[in-house]
Amino acid sequence: AALCPSGALTQARRPASGPSGVKVLIDSKKPRTAKPDSGLHTLEFCLNCPDPHLEGTQTMALGAVHGPTEYRVSGDLVMMVPNDIAGARLLNVEELVGRVALVDRGVVPLVDKVLAAQKAGAIGVVIADDGNCTDLYECGRVGSPKHGGFSGRDPWQLWMKVEIPSLLVMADVGDRLKRMMKLERIFIPGIGEQWAPSLRR
């Protein structure tokens, strides 16, 4: 299927059911097994449930070194399109307002992804790794638990405008979230294949 990059997902491509049905909770709380200064936090998620904390699955995630330090944000999860926001403006800004954005890691600086989601009205960001992080959340130059989280090498000034929380999850967790959201691959002229909400729900 084709999608024209007209500044927003076309009405024909928008799913009638609205949000994906996946709700997440982004929490600055440290996992019980994590060291206080490890940079690890918790992400809880569920499908078609009112409270991820009570009914969801919990996983560890790597938090940002900069930005908010205390947070507890819950909301519906929406995939950003383009998925890694590389080379194009967001096409589904309306769907992100008041929700948590899911974005692929890619090559765009992570702070730019978080700021793009924030500008669109998102209340939090979940970044899906592209497979470069190890199972121990060692993510090379991006960061690691022992470095206090991700983007610690960034000049702190770049994060001064960031007001929403963000977590980096492993690639397998990102893939699971996408499956739960019932996304489908579509072709966007000038951008290529992207994950977008499916009409078949």
C-alpha atoms as a PDB file:
ATOM      1  CA  ALA A   1       0.000   0.000   0.000  1.00  0.00           C
ATOM      2  CA  ALA A   2       1.211   3.544  -0.686  1.00  0.00           C
ATOM      3  CA  LEU A   3       1.027   6.518   1.608  1.00  0.00           C
ATOM      4  CA  CYS A   4       1.543  10.058   0.387  1.00  0.00           C
ATOM      5  CA  PRO A   5       3.753  12.211   2.650  1.00  0.00           C
ATOM      6  CA  SER A   6       1.346  15.133   2.837  1.00  0.00           C
ATOM      7  CA  GLY A   7       2.213  16.175   6.403  1.00  0.00           C
ATOM      8  CA  ALA A   8      -0.038  13.633   8.092  1.00  0.00           C
ATOM      9  CA  LEU A   9      -1.214  10.124   7.521  1.00  0.00           C
ATOM     10  CA  THR A  10      -3.960  10.278   4.944  1.00  0.00           C
ATOM     11  CA  GLN A  11      -7.491   9.792   6.204  1.00  0.00           C
ATOM     12  CA  ALA A  12      -7.759   6.622   4.136  1.00  0.00           C
ATOM     13  CA  ARG A  13      -4.845   5.075   6.013  1.00  0.00           C
ATOM     14  CA  ARG A  14      -5.939   6.011   9.530  1.00  0.00           C
ATOM     15  CA  PRO A  15      -7.386   3.051  11.464  1.00  0.00           C
ATOM     16  CA  ALA A  16     -10.970   3.566  12.518  1.00  0.00           C
ATOM     17  CA  SER A  17     -10.274   2.122  15.976  1.00  0.00           C
ATOM     18  CA  GLY A  18      -7.969   4.964  17.007  1.00  0.00           C
ATOM     19  CA  PRO A  19      -5.126   4.074  19.404  1.00  0.00           C
ATOM     20  CA  SER A  20      -3.204   0.821  19.039  1.00  0.00           C
ATOM     21  CA  GLY A  21      -4.692  -0.722  22.159  1.00  0.00           C
ATOM     22  CA  VAL A  22      -1.222  -0.954  23.724  1.00  0.00           C
ATOM     23  CA  LYS A  23      -0.806   1.080  26.887  1.00  0.00           C
ATOM     24  CA  VAL A  24       2.575   1.688  28.500  1.00  0.00           C
ATOM     25  CA  LEU A  25       3.852   3.028  31.794  1.00  0.00           C
ATOM     26  CA  ILE A  26       7.213   4.806  31.777  1.00  0.00           C
ATOM     27  CA  ASP A  27       8.594   4.931  35.301  1.00  0.00           C
ATOM     28  CA  SER A  28      11.783   6.408  36.738  1.00  0.00           C
ATOM     29  CA  LYS A  29      11.609   3.708  39.400  1.00  0.00           C
ATOM     30  CA  LYS A  30      14.653   1.444  39.427  1.00  0.00           C
ATOM     31  CA  PRO A  31      14.189  -2.313  38.918  1.00  0.00           C
ATOM     32  CA  ARG A  32      14.819  -4.251  42.126  1.00  0.00           C
ATOM     33  CA  THR A  33      17.875  -5.945  40.639  1.00  0.00           C
ATOM     34  CA  ALA A  34      19.444  -2.718  39.350  1.00  0.00           C
ATOM     35  CA  LYS A  35      22.044  -0.595  41.111  1.00  0.00           C
ATOM     36  CA  PRO A  36      20.846   2.877  42.152  1.00  0.00           C
ATOM     37  CA  ASP A  37      23.168   4.591  39.662  1.00  0.00           C
ATOM     38  CA  SER A  38      22.796   2.094  36.813  1.00  0.00           C
ATOM     39  CA  GLY A  39      20.575   4.149  34.508  1.00  0.00           C
ATOM     40  CA  LEU A  40      18.073   1.290  34.285  1.00  0.00           C
ATOM     41  CA  HIS A  41      14.364   1.979  34.718  1.00  0.00           C
ATOM     42  CA  THR A  42      11.110   0.102  34.209  1.00  0.00           C
ATOM     43  CA  LEU A  43       8.699  -0.061  31.302  1.00  0.00           C
ATOM     44  CA  GLU A  44       5.353  -1.775  31.767  1.00  0.00           C
ATOM     45  CA  PHE A  45       2.976  -2.512  28.908  1.00  0.00           C
ATOM     46  CA  CYS A  46      -0.251  -4.339  28.142  1.00  0.00           C
ATOM     47  CA  LEU A  47      -2.839  -4.776  25.419  1.00  0.00           C
ATOM     48  CA  ASN A  48      -6.422  -3.574  25.936  1.00  0.00           C
ATOM     49  CA  CYS A  49      -6.067  -3.040  29.669  1.00  0.00           C
ATOM     50  CA  PRO A  50      -6.670   0.085  31.792  1.00  0.00           C
ATOM     51  CA  ASP A  51      -3.517  -0.104  33.927  1.00  0.00           C
ATOM     52  CA  PRO A  52      -0.176  -1.568  32.765  1.00  0.00           C
ATOM     53  CA  HIS A  53       1.110  -1.542  36.340  1.00  0.00           C
ATOM     54  CA  LEU A  54      -1.629  -3.901  37.520  1.00  0.00           C
ATOM     55  CA  GLU A  55      -2.052  -6.085  34.437  1.00  0.00           C
ATOM     56  CA  GLY A  56       0.983  -5.546  32.244  1.00  0.00           C
ATOM     57  CA  THR A  57       4.383  -7.024  31.506  1.00  0.00           C
ATOM     58  CA  GLN A  58       7.388  -5.343  33.089  1.00  0.00           C
ATOM     59  CA  THR A  59      10.780  -5.033  31.419  1.00  0.00           C
ATOM     60  CA  MET A  60      13.963  -3.117  32.087  1.00  0.00           C
ATOM     61  CA  ALA A  61      14.903  -0.175  29.888  1.00  0.00           C
ATOM     62  CA  LEU A  62      17.780   2.266  29.677  1.00  0.00           C
ATOM     63  CA  GLY A  63      16.926   5.826  30.676  1.00  0.00           C
ATOM     64  CA  ALA A  64      18.403   9.063  29.380  1.00  0.00           C
ATOM     65  CA  VAL A  65      21.273  10.584  31.331  1.00  0.00           C
ATOM     66  CA  HIS A  66      19.817  14.042  30.744  1.00  0.00           C
ATOM     67  CA  GLY A  67      16.243  15.303  30.885  1.00  0.00           C
ATOM     68  CA  PRO A  68      13.630  14.579  33.570  1.00  0.00           C
ATOM     69  CA  THR A  69      14.847  12.472  36.491  1.00  0.00           C
ATOM     70  CA  GLU A  70      11.561  11.809  38.294  1.00  0.00           C
ATOM     71  CA  TYR A  71       8.580  10.680  36.240  1.00  0.00           C
ATOM     72  CA  ARG A  72       5.678   8.260  36.016  1.00  0.00           C
ATOM     73  CA  VAL A  73       3.838   8.571  32.702  1.00  0.00           C
ATOM     74  CA  SER A  74       1.147   6.272  31.338  1.00  0.00           C
ATOM     75  CA  GLY A  75      -0.556   6.440  27.956  1.00  0.00           C
ATOM     76  CA  ASP A  76      -1.447   4.782  24.668  1.00  0.00           C
ATOM     77  CA  LEU A  77       1.507   3.823  22.478  1.00  0.00           C
ATOM     78  CA  VAL A  78       1.724   5.225  18.929  1.00  0.00           C
ATOM     79  CA  MET A  79       4.372   4.469  16.290  1.00  0.00           C
ATOM     80  CA  MET A  80       6.073   7.547  14.883  1.00  0.00           C
ATOM     81  CA  VAL A  81       6.014   7.783  11.075  1.00  0.00           C
ATOM     82  CA  PRO A  82       8.673   7.857   9.671  1.00  0.00           C
ATOM     83  CA  ASN A  83       9.727   5.238  12.199  1.00  0.00           C
ATOM     84  CA  ASP A  84      13.193   6.718  12.809  1.00  0.00           C
ATOM     85  CA  ILE A  85      12.246  10.276  11.668  1.00  0.00           C
ATOM     86  CA  ALA A  86      15.225  10.287   9.297  1.00  0.00           C
ATOM     87  CA  GLY A  87      15.034  12.657   6.348  1.00  0.00           C
ATOM     88  CA  ALA A  88      11.393  13.611   6.712  1.00  0.00           C
ATOM     89  CA  ARG A  89       8.995  15.433   8.996  1.00  0.00           C
ATOM     90  CA  LEU A  90       6.512  13.506  11.109  1.00  0.00           C
ATOM     91  CA  LEU A  91       3.478  12.364   9.165  1.00  0.00           C
ATOM     92  CA  ASN A  92       1.241  11.422  12.101  1.00  0.00           C
ATOM     93  CA  VAL A  93       1.540  14.366  14.476  1.00  0.00           C
ATOM     94  CA  GLU A  94      -2.177  14.285  15.357  1.00  0.00           C
ATOM     95  CA  GLU A  95      -1.945  10.699  16.590  1.00  0.00           C
ATOM     96  CA  LEU A  96       0.908  11.524  18.995  1.00  0.00           C
ATOM     97  CA  VAL A  97      -0.829  14.225  21.020  1.00  0.00           C
ATOM     98  CA  GLY A  98      -1.230  13.093  24.625  1.00  0.00           C
ATOM     99  CA  ARG A  99       0.244   9.654  23.905  1.00  0.00           C
ATOM    100  CA  VAL A 100       3.574   7.854  24.217  1.00  0.00           C
ATOM    101  CA  ALA A 101       5.634   7.723  21.026  1.00  0.00           C
ATOM    102  CA  LEU A 102       7.448   4.606  19.833  1.00  0.00           C
ATOM    103  CA  VAL A 103      10.414   5.344  17.561  1.00  0.00           C
ATOM    104  CA  ASP A 104      13.223   3.265  16.061  1.00  0.00           C
ATOM    105  CA  ARG A 105      16.811   4.047  17.044  1.00  0.00           C
ATOM    106  CA  GLY A 106      18.313   4.523  13.554  1.00  0.00           C
ATOM    107  CA  VAL A 107      20.955   7.166  12.833  1.00  0.00           C
ATOM    108  CA  VAL A 108      19.192  10.351  13.946  1.00  0.00           C
ATOM    109  CA  PRO A 109      20.473  11.605  17.342  1.00  0.00           C
ATOM    110  CA  LEU A 110      18.216  10.313  20.102  1.00  0.00           C
ATOM    111  CA  VAL A 111      17.695  13.789  21.530  1.00  0.00           C
ATOM    112  CA  ASP A 112      16.283  14.901  18.158  1.00  0.00           C
ATOM    113  CA  LYS A 113      13.778  12.038  18.257  1.00  0.00           C
ATOM    114  CA  VAL A 114      12.673  12.957  21.771  1.00  0.00           C
ATOM    115  CA  LEU A 115      12.327  16.635  20.883  1.00  0.00           C
ATOM    116  CA  ALA A 116      10.334  15.793  17.739  1.00  0.00           C
ATOM    117  CA  ALA A 117       7.923  13.687  19.774  1.00  0.00           C
ATOM    118  CA  GLN A 118       7.665  16.391  22.431  1.00  0.00           C
ATOM    119  CA  LYS A 119       6.948  19.056  19.809  1.00  0.00           C
ATOM    120  CA  ALA A 120       4.179  16.847  18.413  1.00  0.00           C
ATOM    121  CA  GLY A 121       2.545  16.682  21.843  1.00  0.00           C
ATOM    122  CA  ALA A 122       3.703  13.255  23.042  1.00  0.00           C
ATOM    123  CA  ILE A 123       3.991  12.736  26.797  1.00  0.00           C
ATOM    124  CA  GLY A 124       6.834  10.206  26.635  1.00  0.00           C
ATOM    125  CA  VAL A 125       9.064   8.288  24.235  1.00  0.00           C
ATOM    126  CA  VAL A 126      10.027   4.636  23.912  1.00  0.00           C
ATOM    127  CA  ILE A 127      13.043   4.119  21.647  1.00  0.00           C
ATOM    128  CA  ALA A 128      13.407   0.647  20.117  1.00  0.00           C
ATOM    129  CA  ASP A 129      17.028  -0.398  19.699  1.00  0.00           C
ATOM    130  CA  ASP A 130      18.183  -1.658  16.295  1.00  0.00           C
ATOM    131  CA  GLY A 131      20.129  -4.626  17.628  1.00  0.00           C
ATOM    132  CA  ASN A 132      23.356  -2.834  18.505  1.00  0.00           C
ATOM    133  CA  CYS A 133      22.811  -3.075  22.254  1.00  0.00           C
ATOM    134  CA  THR A 134      23.752  -6.262  24.087  1.00  0.00           C
ATOM    135  CA  ASP A 135      21.457  -8.127  26.464  1.00  0.00           C
ATOM    136  CA  LEU A 136      23.156  -6.211  29.292  1.00  0.00           C
ATOM    137  CA  TYR A 137      22.144  -2.866  27.750  1.00  0.00           C
ATOM    138  CA  GLU A 138      25.690  -2.135  26.628  1.00  0.00           C
ATOM    139  CA  CYS A 139      24.978   0.179  23.687  1.00  0.00           C
ATOM    140  CA  GLY A 140      28.423   1.362  22.641  1.00  0.00           C
ATOM    141  CA  ARG A 141      28.801   5.117  22.296  1.00  0.00           C
ATOM    142  CA  VAL A 142      25.084   5.586  22.947  1.00  0.00           C
ATOM    143  CA  GLY A 143      25.499   4.521  26.559  1.00  0.00           C
ATOM    144  CA  SER A 144      25.111   1.753  29.113  1.00  0.00           C
ATOM    145  CA  PRO A 145      23.942   1.153  32.697  1.00  0.00           C
ATOM    146  CA  LYS A 146      27.430   1.844  34.063  1.00  0.00           C
ATOM    147  CA  HIS A 147      27.401   5.223  32.317  1.00  0.00           C
ATOM    148  CA  GLY A 148      24.090   6.140  33.929  1.00  0.00           C
ATOM    149  CA  GLY A 149      21.956   5.650  30.813  1.00  0.00           C
ATOM    150  CA  PHE A 150      21.983   6.707  27.179  1.00  0.00           C
ATOM    151  CA  SER A 151      23.199   9.902  25.503  1.00  0.00           C
ATOM    152  CA  GLY A 152      25.557  10.709  28.340  1.00  0.00           C
ATOM    153  CA  ARG A 153      28.127  11.840  25.777  1.00  0.00           C
ATOM    154  CA  ASP A 154      25.746  14.490  24.469  1.00  0.00           C
ATOM    155  CA  PRO A 155      26.406  18.059  25.599  1.00  0.00           C
ATOM    156  CA  TRP A 156      23.808  18.674  28.300  1.00  0.00           C
ATOM    157  CA  GLN A 157      22.734  21.843  26.497  1.00  0.00           C
ATOM    158  CA  LEU A 158      21.143  19.697  23.766  1.00  0.00           C
ATOM    159  CA  TRP A 159      18.745  18.247  26.344  1.00  0.00           C
ATOM    160  CA  MET A 160      17.802  21.522  28.042  1.00  0.00           C
ATOM    161  CA  LYS A 161      14.500  21.712  26.170  1.00  0.00           C
ATOM    162  CA  VAL A 162      13.531  18.092  26.871  1.00  0.00           C
ATOM    163  CA  GLU A 163      10.600  17.939  29.292  1.00  0.00           C
ATOM    164  CA  ILE A 164       9.265  14.419  28.665  1.00  0.00           C
ATOM    165  CA  PRO A 165      10.775  11.083  29.760  1.00  0.00           C
ATOM    166  CA  SER A 166      12.352   8.624  27.336  1.00  0.00           C
ATOM    167  CA  LEU A 167      13.476   5.014  27.625  1.00  0.00           C
ATOM    168  CA  LEU A 168      15.544   2.825  25.306  1.00  0.00           C
ATOM    169  CA  VAL A 169      14.356  -0.786  25.063  1.00  0.00           C
ATOM    170  CA  MET A 170      16.016  -3.795  23.501  1.00  0.00           C
ATOM    171  CA  ALA A 171      15.215  -4.711  19.895  1.00  0.00           C
ATOM    172  CA  ASP A 172      13.200  -7.781  20.912  1.00  0.00           C
ATOM    173  CA  VAL A 173      11.006  -5.681  23.204  1.00  0.00           C
ATOM    174  CA  GLY A 174      10.485  -3.162  20.402  1.00  0.00           C
ATOM    175  CA  ASP A 175       9.492  -5.968  18.037  1.00  0.00           C
ATOM    176  CA  ARG A 176       7.037  -7.328  20.596  1.00  0.00           C
ATOM    177  CA  LEU A 177       5.423  -3.932  21.049  1.00  0.00           C
ATOM    178  CA  LYS A 178       5.030  -3.559  17.272  1.00  0.00           C
ATOM    179  CA  ARG A 179       3.369  -6.974  17.042  1.00  0.00           C
ATOM    180  CA  MET A 180       0.975  -6.065  19.841  1.00  0.00           C
ATOM    181  CA  MET A 181       0.146  -2.794  18.067  1.00  0.00           C
ATOM    182  CA  LYS A 182      -0.844  -4.703  14.913  1.00  0.00           C
ATOM    183  CA  LEU A 183       1.271  -2.555  12.640  1.00  0.00           C
ATOM    184  CA  GLU A 184       1.817  -3.304   8.982  1.00  0.00           C
ATOM    185  CA  ARG A 185       4.541  -2.455   6.498  1.00  0.00           C
ATOM    186  CA  ILE A 186       3.555   0.214   3.986  1.00  0.00           C
ATOM    187  CA  PHE A 187       5.502   2.048   1.305  1.00  0.00           C
ATOM    188  CA  ILE A 188       5.745   5.822   1.572  1.00  0.00           C
ATOM    189  CA  PRO A 189       6.960   7.554  -1.620  1.00  0.00           C
ATOM    190  CA  GLY A 190      10.286   9.260  -1.026  1.00  0.00           C
ATOM    191  CA  ILE A 191      10.820   7.516   2.303  1.00  0.00           C
ATOM    192  CA  GLY A 192      10.422   3.782   1.750  1.00  0.00           C
ATOM    193  CA  GLU A 193       8.819   1.014   3.787  1.00  0.00           C
ATOM    194  CA  GLN A 194       7.575   1.965   7.232  1.00  0.00           C
ATOM    195  CA  TRP A 195       5.565   0.470  10.057  1.00  0.00           C
ATOM    196  CA  ALA A 196       2.151   2.126  10.342  1.00  0.00           C
ATOM    197  CA  PRO A 197      -1.198   1.328  11.992  1.00  0.00           C
ATOM    198  CA  SER A 198      -3.072  -1.465  10.273  1.00  0.00           C
ATOM    199  CA  LEU A 199      -6.654  -1.116   9.103  1.00  0.00           C
ATOM    200  CA  ARG A 200      -7.204  -4.822   9.788  1.00  0.00           C
ATOM    201  CA  ARG A 201      -7.945  -4.919  13.502  1.00  0.00           C
END
